Every structure is written in structure tokens, then in C-alpha cells.
Amino acid sequence: MFLTSSKTAMPTRAVLIIALFFVLIACCVSYSTGAHPLILTVVPVQAQDDQKYSSRFSSKPDGGGSWSKIDVPGNPAVRSLYFSDVSTGWVGGWHGEIYRTRDAGQTWQKRDTGLDYEIQKLFFIDDLHGWANAFICHPNLTRMTALLETTDGGETWKTLSNVDADSPQSVNRFVFVNWEEGWGIDGWQNNVVHTLDGGKTWTIQQRREEHGWNSVFFINKQEGWASGQDGIIHTVDGGKTWESQMDGAASLAVGCLDQIAFTDRKNGWVVCRDGALRTTDGGANWKPISNDWKLMLPTVEMLLQESSAKVTYKKS
């Protein structure tokens, strides 16, 4: 179990959004497809010491009610994580460190990125090729964001960009479909941006309409979705053209659409601040999901506690 100062803890709303997104996607996928996915989640829970914050991993290998804790050596403060399969995963810390496991969290290897930034997002297309988003806010309130790349499974990391977080060149949330092509959301105006060189350069593909986009997801090189306060949009030609599936007014009515993901061209989920929506027809229709799925989670009654972040993964 990790304990860190409350000064470094993530805002509760951000933790809750991440928690709802990852747990929801994995739980619903297992129900709809019969698959056995790896579930990644960040869930706020009450710490024993109210002045400290707790982060730890838990695994649930049996699909039942038993959970076991998994500690990363050194008890780092965990900021992000990503698993490419049930055994291989990475954890990002608050000071530029990234840990890798190849045995489902039994052992971990620490690697430094060379930047004393928070590793806010990790994404891998296989066990070798991945990207990380890193962020820092300096005492003078200057905010910087960096995009990092690895081609050796996280042994070494190369900085692709390190720019002002509000500049057109900054990219935070992203998804890749191969080593070269990917999409993201820029930190300048929350536009959808596109890369064909592995993240070295990005071009605006879909500009914000009014409030901007928060998340983008592609299932292949042609079909993808973006969500945000401007609603939900869909493309079937790699982002050359987009059609609206939900307008901004409807989006604001259900709450800001923070994260979107699909398992195939029909089944998708989007998380908003007050709940979640699901589609089974590629986004043509979106329906609210009952909060009953939360009852599957351990310590779910503490989701709204503001004291700490518990990082878990679950195999069902």
C-alpha cells in the first residue's frame, strides 16, 4: 500500500471519472460478450489516516468476492496504468517513473523517463510500442505537458514533445491503431488531432464547435468516435468527415462526456460526471446505464469519499 501527502492527491472528481470509465467498460464488456477482460480502475476509498492518501493494486482472479493486494516496490504514488494483456502492464507515477510487470503484478521493474512530471496517461498497442503523457505545474503556475514514446516495452522512453500545456502542439488524451497512426485531443482548444508519424507531429482534424472534445477512441484506421461538451461525433473514413450522434445541448443535459470507448463497431460506452451511457448500435442511440453495476465493486460505497485513491486491477 502506498501513502502520499494529500497535496499530491488527484481531485476526487477526476478519480471518480476514471473509476467509472474503466470499471464500467470492463464490466459491461464481460456481460455483453462473455469475454474475460482485464479490468483497470481507480477508485476513491477511505484511508485509515485522514491526513494521508492510499494507492494500491488489488487483483480479483476468481470473479468472486476475494481480493488480494499487490504492492509496487518503493510504494510509489500511482497516477496512471495500462495493461496490454492479462500479464503485461505499466504503472505511471508522479515523478516521471514508470513501472512494468510481465507477471500480472507479482514483480515490477522501475524505469525513469528523465522528466520529473506526473505520468497521466499510458497507452500501448502491443507489449513493445507505447506512449505516455506527462504533466507538471511549476510553482509559477507554468504548465507543461510532454508526450513520450517507447519501442522496447518501457525499458527506455523518448520525449517526442515537451511544450506549454495550453499550446497547439500539446496532446493529452490519445489512442493509436498502429505504430504510426493515432488520434488525440489537444490542450489548446480541445480539438481532435491526428498523427501519421507516431506522435511526432499532429494536425487538427476536427475543431471544437463550442466547448470542445474530451476523449477520442478508434477501433481501426477508419472508424472512431469523439466525445465532450460538444456532444458525440462519429467517423467512418479515418476522421476526414464526422457526423453528430449527440449534440452539445444533449451532452450538457447528461453531464460533461469525459471518456468514450468501444469494443467493436456496435458496443460502446461513454462516462459523464453524473453517470454513464451505453450504445449497442454504434452510437445511433445512447441510453443511461443503471448504477447497479457499481455493486460489483469492492468498497463501492466509498466511491464518493474524498480522502484517497485506490488503484486496482481485476481479472474476471
Protein backbone atom coordinates (compact mmCIF):
# COMPACT_ATOMS: atom_id res chain seq x y z
CA MET A 1 0.00 0.00 0.00
CA PHE A 2 1.28 3.46 -0.88
CA LEU A 3 0.89 6.55 1.28
CA THR A 4 1.49 10.03 -0.05
CA SER A 5 0.86 13.58 1.03
CA SER A 6 -2.63 14.97 0.43
CA LYS A 7 -1.04 17.75 -1.56
CA THR A 8 -0.36 15.33 -4.40
CA ALA A 9 -3.68 13.55 -4.45
CA MET A 10 -5.84 13.71 -7.55
CA PRO A 11 -9.05 15.73 -7.36
CA THR A 12 -11.91 13.48 -6.31
CA ARG A 13 -13.97 14.18 -9.42
CA ALA A 14 -11.09 13.20 -11.69
CA VAL A 15 -10.57 9.98 -9.74
CA LEU A 16 -14.26 9.17 -9.88
CA ILE A 17 -14.45 9.75 -13.63
CA ILE A 18 -11.53 7.40 -14.24
CA ALA A 19 -13.03 4.85 -11.90
CA LEU A 20 -16.42 4.87 -13.58
CA PHE A 21 -14.90 4.67 -17.03
CA PHE A 22 -12.56 1.72 -16.60
CA VAL A 23 -14.79 -0.36 -14.37
CA LEU A 24 -17.85 0.30 -16.49
CA ILE A 25 -16.18 -0.65 -19.76
CA ALA A 26 -14.72 -3.88 -18.43
CA CYS A 27 -17.83 -4.96 -16.54
CA CYS A 28 -20.14 -4.30 -19.46
CA VAL A 29 -17.83 -5.99 -21.94
CA SER A 30 -17.77 -9.13 -19.85
CA TYR A 31 -21.57 -9.15 -19.72
CA SER A 32 -22.20 -8.43 -23.38
CA THR A 33 -19.53 -10.60 -24.97
CA GLY A 34 -18.80 -13.32 -22.46
CA ALA A 35 -15.14 -12.35 -22.65
CA HIS A 36 -12.79 -12.29 -19.70
CA PRO A 37 -11.24 -8.83 -19.83
CA LEU A 38 -8.68 -7.23 -17.59
CA ILE A 39 -10.38 -4.53 -15.57
CA LEU A 40 -8.46 -1.38 -14.74
CA THR A 41 -9.85 1.15 -12.33
CA VAL A 42 -9.06 3.98 -9.98
CA VAL A 43 -11.48 4.07 -7.07
CA PRO A 44 -11.50 6.53 -4.15
CA VAL A 45 -11.63 4.84 -0.75
CA GLN A 46 -11.31 6.00 2.83
CA ALA A 47 -7.76 5.92 4.12
CA GLN A 48 -7.06 4.85 7.70
CA ASP A 49 -5.21 8.10 8.25
CA ASP A 50 -7.32 11.04 7.05
CA GLN A 51 -4.19 13.12 6.54
CA LYS A 52 -2.69 10.69 4.05
CA TYR A 53 -3.62 9.09 0.77
CA SER A 54 -3.51 5.42 -0.12
CA SER A 55 -2.82 3.87 -3.52
CA ARG A 56 -2.52 0.14 -4.02
CA PHE A 57 -3.22 -2.58 -6.51
CA SER A 58 -5.72 -5.35 -5.99
CA SER A 59 -6.34 -8.42 -8.08
CA LYS A 60 -9.52 -10.45 -8.20
CA PRO A 61 -8.65 -13.64 -10.08
CA ASP A 62 -11.74 -15.67 -9.30
CA GLY A 63 -14.64 -13.39 -10.26
CA GLY A 64 -15.93 -13.84 -6.73
CA GLY A 65 -15.65 -11.82 -3.59
CA SER A 66 -11.99 -12.28 -2.72
CA TRP A 67 -9.34 -9.66 -3.42
CA SER A 68 -5.61 -9.64 -2.81
CA LYS A 69 -3.33 -6.61 -2.57
CA ILE A 70 -0.35 -6.17 -4.86
CA ASP A 71 2.33 -3.66 -3.93
CA VAL A 72 4.77 -1.97 -6.27
CA PRO A 73 8.28 -1.81 -4.75
CA GLY A 74 9.02 1.53 -3.17
CA ASN A 75 5.34 2.32 -2.60
CA PRO A 76 5.15 4.98 -5.31
CA ALA A 77 2.17 7.28 -5.71
CA VAL A 78 0.33 5.85 -8.71
CA ARG A 79 -1.07 8.23 -11.32
CA SER A 80 -1.96 6.00 -14.30
CA LEU A 81 -1.83 2.44 -15.56
CA TYR A 82 -2.34 0.34 -18.67
CA PHE A 83 -2.33 -3.41 -19.37
CA SER A 84 -1.87 -4.78 -22.89
CA ASP A 85 -2.92 -8.26 -21.76
CA VAL A 86 -3.60 -10.10 -18.51
CA SER A 87 0.11 -10.30 -17.66
CA THR A 88 1.84 -7.26 -19.14
CA GLY A 89 1.17 -3.82 -17.73
CA TRP A 90 2.65 -0.49 -16.83
CA VAL A 91 2.13 1.96 -13.98
CA GLY A 92 2.93 5.66 -14.12
CA GLY A 93 3.97 7.64 -11.07
CA TRP A 94 4.01 11.27 -10.02
CA HIS A 95 7.70 11.90 -10.65
CA GLY A 96 8.31 10.55 -14.13
CA GLU A 97 8.78 6.92 -13.13
CA ILE A 98 7.09 4.08 -15.00
CA TYR A 99 6.93 0.53 -13.64
CA ARG A 100 6.42 -2.56 -15.79
CA THR A 101 5.16 -6.03 -14.90
CA ARG A 102 5.13 -9.15 -17.04
CA ASP A 103 3.59 -11.46 -14.47
CA ALA A 104 0.27 -9.75 -13.63
CA GLY A 105 1.77 -7.55 -10.95
CA GLN A 106 3.79 -10.09 -8.97
CA THR A 107 7.05 -8.30 -9.81
CA TRP A 108 7.76 -4.83 -11.15
CA GLN A 109 10.70 -3.10 -12.81
CA LYS A 110 11.16 0.65 -12.44
CA ARG A 111 12.28 2.84 -15.33
CA ASP A 112 12.77 6.62 -15.30
CA THR A 113 11.62 8.78 -18.17
CA GLY A 114 14.04 11.60 -17.42
CA LEU A 115 11.25 14.03 -16.60
CA ASP A 116 10.03 14.86 -13.09
CA TYR A 117 6.45 15.02 -14.38
CA GLU A 118 3.22 13.23 -13.46
CA ILE A 119 2.61 10.31 -15.84
CA GLN A 120 -1.06 10.99 -16.51
CA LYS A 121 -1.80 8.53 -19.33
CA LEU A 122 -0.30 5.35 -20.76
CA PHE A 123 -1.29 3.59 -23.97
CA PHE A 124 0.26 0.55 -25.69
CA ILE A 125 -0.64 -1.15 -28.97
CA ASP A 126 1.37 -4.26 -28.03
CA ASP A 127 3.95 -5.27 -25.43
CA LEU A 128 6.67 -3.12 -27.03
CA HIS A 129 5.17 0.03 -28.53
CA GLY A 130 3.57 2.61 -26.27
CA TRP A 131 3.12 6.26 -25.40
CA ALA A 132 2.85 8.25 -22.20
CA ASN A 133 1.52 11.70 -21.43
CA ALA A 134 3.35 13.59 -18.69
CA PHE A 135 2.36 16.84 -17.00
CA ILE A 136 3.75 19.32 -14.49
CA CYS A 137 2.58 22.61 -12.98
CA HIS A 138 5.52 24.69 -11.81
CA PRO A 139 5.38 26.96 -8.73
CA ASN A 140 4.98 29.97 -11.03
CA LEU A 141 1.86 28.23 -12.44
CA THR A 142 3.53 27.49 -15.77
CA ARG A 143 2.05 24.21 -17.01
CA MET A 144 4.00 21.86 -19.27
CA THR A 145 2.95 18.64 -20.97
CA ALA A 146 5.16 16.05 -22.64
CA LEU A 147 4.48 13.14 -24.97
CA LEU A 148 6.83 10.16 -24.54
CA GLU A 149 7.34 7.09 -26.69
CA THR A 150 8.81 3.63 -26.09
CA THR A 151 9.61 0.94 -28.63
CA ASP A 152 11.10 -1.58 -26.21
CA GLY A 153 8.27 -2.20 -23.77
CA GLY A 154 9.13 0.68 -21.49
CA GLU A 155 12.83 -0.06 -20.98
CA THR A 156 13.64 3.36 -22.44
CA TRP A 157 11.48 6.39 -23.18
CA LYS A 158 11.99 9.08 -25.81
CA THR A 159 10.49 12.57 -25.45
CA LEU A 160 8.57 13.45 -28.61
CA SER A 161 7.39 16.85 -27.35
CA ASN A 162 7.63 18.95 -24.20
CA VAL A 163 5.54 22.11 -24.60
CA ASP A 164 3.26 24.52 -22.81
CA ALA A 165 0.10 22.64 -21.81
CA ASP A 166 -2.08 25.26 -23.50
CA SER A 167 -0.20 25.33 -26.79
CA PRO A 168 -1.50 23.93 -30.10
CA GLN A 169 1.29 21.33 -30.01
CA SER A 170 0.19 19.77 -26.72
CA VAL A 171 -1.69 16.45 -26.80
CA ASN A 172 -3.13 14.72 -23.76
CA ARG A 173 -5.74 12.00 -24.35
CA PHE A 174 -4.85 9.80 -27.31
CA VAL A 175 -5.37 6.44 -28.96
CA PHE A 176 -3.25 4.65 -31.57
CA VAL A 177 -4.19 1.94 -34.06
CA ASN A 178 -0.63 1.07 -35.10
CA TRP A 179 2.93 2.31 -34.60
CA GLU A 180 2.35 5.41 -36.70
CA GLU A 181 -1.29 6.47 -36.75
CA GLY A 182 -3.24 7.84 -33.86
CA TRP A 183 -5.71 10.45 -32.69
CA GLY A 184 -5.78 12.69 -29.65
CA ILE A 185 -7.20 15.80 -28.02
CA ASP A 186 -5.04 18.90 -27.98
CA GLY A 187 -4.60 21.03 -24.89
CA TRP A 188 -5.05 24.26 -26.80
CA GLN A 189 -8.73 24.25 -27.75
CA ASN A 190 -9.77 20.63 -27.19
CA ASN A 191 -9.71 19.84 -30.90
CA VAL A 192 -9.43 16.32 -32.31
CA VAL A 193 -5.91 15.94 -33.71
CA HIS A 194 -4.31 13.28 -35.90
CA THR A 195 -0.79 11.89 -36.31
CA LEU A 196 0.77 9.73 -39.02
CA ASP A 197 4.29 9.61 -37.60
CA GLY A 198 3.83 8.01 -34.22
CA GLY A 199 3.05 11.23 -32.38
CA LYS A 200 5.96 13.38 -33.56
CA THR A 201 3.61 15.82 -35.31
CA TRP A 202 -0.14 16.39 -35.08
CA THR A 203 -2.66 18.18 -37.27
CA ILE A 204 -6.15 19.35 -36.36
CA GLN A 205 -8.73 17.03 -37.86
CA GLN A 206 -11.94 18.16 -36.17
CA ARG A 207 -12.15 21.54 -34.50
CA ARG A 208 -14.20 22.22 -31.42
CA GLU A 209 -17.68 23.52 -32.09
CA GLU A 210 -18.21 25.50 -28.91
CA HIS A 211 -16.90 23.84 -25.75
CA GLY A 212 -14.56 21.21 -27.20
CA TRP A 213 -13.87 17.47 -27.09
CA ASN A 214 -12.58 15.49 -24.12
CA SER A 215 -11.94 12.00 -25.48
CA VAL A 216 -11.40 10.12 -28.72
CA PHE A 217 -11.47 6.39 -29.49
CA PHE A 218 -10.86 4.38 -32.69
CA ILE A 219 -11.46 0.68 -33.22
CA ASN A 220 -9.50 0.63 -36.50
CA LYS A 221 -7.97 3.04 -39.01
CA GLN A 222 -11.35 4.12 -40.33
CA GLU A 223 -13.94 4.14 -37.56
CA GLY A 224 -13.86 6.21 -34.42
CA TRP A 225 -15.75 8.44 -32.03
CA ALA A 226 -15.07 11.61 -30.04
CA SER A 227 -16.99 12.91 -27.04
CA GLY A 228 -17.08 16.07 -24.98
CA GLN A 229 -19.19 19.04 -24.13
CA ASP A 230 -19.90 19.44 -27.83
CA GLY A 231 -21.59 16.02 -27.83
CA ILE A 232 -20.58 12.80 -29.61
CA ILE A 233 -19.32 12.59 -33.18
CA HIS A 234 -18.56 9.56 -35.36
CA THR A 235 -16.34 8.95 -38.40
CA VAL A 236 -16.05 6.02 -40.80
CA ASP A 237 -13.31 7.46 -43.03
CA GLY A 238 -10.42 7.93 -40.62
CA GLY A 239 -11.58 11.34 -39.46
CA LYS A 240 -11.89 13.04 -42.82
CA THR A 241 -15.56 13.65 -42.11
CA TRP A 242 -17.56 13.41 -38.89
CA GLU A 243 -21.27 13.11 -38.19
CA SER A 244 -23.02 14.11 -34.99
CA GLN A 245 -24.57 11.39 -32.83
CA MET A 246 -25.36 13.67 -29.89
CA ASP A 247 -25.36 17.46 -29.91
CA GLY A 248 -23.86 19.72 -27.30
CA ALA A 249 -27.17 20.54 -25.65
CA ALA A 250 -27.92 16.87 -25.07
CA SER A 251 -24.39 16.34 -23.81
CA LEU A 252 -24.68 19.12 -21.26
CA ALA A 253 -28.05 17.76 -20.17
CA VAL A 254 -26.49 14.45 -19.06
CA GLY A 255 -23.24 15.99 -17.85
CA CYS A 256 -19.87 16.51 -19.47
CA LEU A 257 -18.94 13.46 -21.58
CA ASP A 258 -15.47 12.74 -20.30
CA GLN A 259 -14.43 9.33 -21.68
CA ILE A 260 -15.61 7.18 -24.56
CA ALA A 261 -14.65 3.64 -25.61
CA PHE A 262 -15.90 0.88 -27.90
CA THR A 263 -15.20 -2.86 -28.03
CA ASP A 264 -16.44 -3.16 -31.61
CA ARG A 265 -18.39 -1.03 -34.07
CA LYS A 266 -21.66 -1.61 -32.21
CA ASN A 267 -20.95 -1.67 -28.47
CA GLY A 268 -19.71 1.45 -26.76
CA TRP A 269 -19.83 3.39 -23.52
CA VAL A 270 -19.34 6.99 -22.53
CA VAL A 271 -18.89 8.25 -18.99
CA CYS A 272 -20.25 11.57 -17.82
CA ARG A 273 -19.84 13.20 -14.46
CA ASP A 274 -23.19 12.02 -13.17
CA GLY A 275 -23.35 8.55 -14.69
CA ALA A 276 -22.73 6.64 -17.89
CA LEU A 277 -24.36 5.89 -21.24
CA ARG A 278 -24.27 2.81 -23.44
CA THR A 279 -24.93 2.14 -27.11
CA THR A 280 -25.47 -1.18 -28.88
CA ASP A 281 -25.95 0.27 -32.35
CA GLY A 282 -22.72 2.13 -32.99
CA GLY A 283 -23.83 5.34 -31.32
CA ALA A 284 -27.10 5.91 -33.12
CA ASN A 285 -28.82 5.67 -29.74
CA TRP A 286 -27.41 6.17 -26.26
CA LYS A 287 -29.16 5.04 -23.08
CA PRO A 288 -28.28 5.67 -19.43
CA ILE A 289 -26.87 2.71 -17.53
CA SER A 290 -28.27 1.79 -14.15
CA ASN A 291 -25.90 2.37 -11.27
CA ASP A 292 -26.48 -1.22 -10.14
CA TRP A 293 -23.21 -2.26 -11.81
CA LYS A 294 -21.35 -0.39 -9.08
CA LEU A 295 -22.46 -3.04 -6.59
CA MET A 296 -19.94 -5.40 -8.18
CA LEU A 297 -17.05 -3.26 -6.97
CA PRO A 298 -15.28 -3.64 -3.66
CA THR A 299 -15.75 -0.66 -1.34
CA VAL A 300 -18.14 0.83 -3.86
CA GLU A 301 -19.99 2.59 -1.06
CA MET A 302 -16.90 4.75 -0.71
CA LEU A 303 -16.79 5.97 -4.30
CA LEU A 304 -17.66 9.49 -3.25
CA GLN A 305 -15.23 9.73 -0.36
CA GLU A 306 -12.68 12.47 -0.89
CA SER A 307 -9.81 11.08 1.10
CA SER A 308 -7.75 8.83 -1.17
CA ALA A 309 -7.29 6.93 -4.42
CA LYS A 310 -7.15 3.17 -4.60
CA VAL A 311 -5.74 1.78 -7.82
CA THR A 312 -6.90 -1.72 -8.65
CA TYR A 313 -7.00 -4.21 -11.43
CA LYS A 314 -9.30 -7.18 -11.67
CA LYS A 315 -9.30 -10.34 -13.78
CA SER A 316 -12.76 -11.86 -14.09
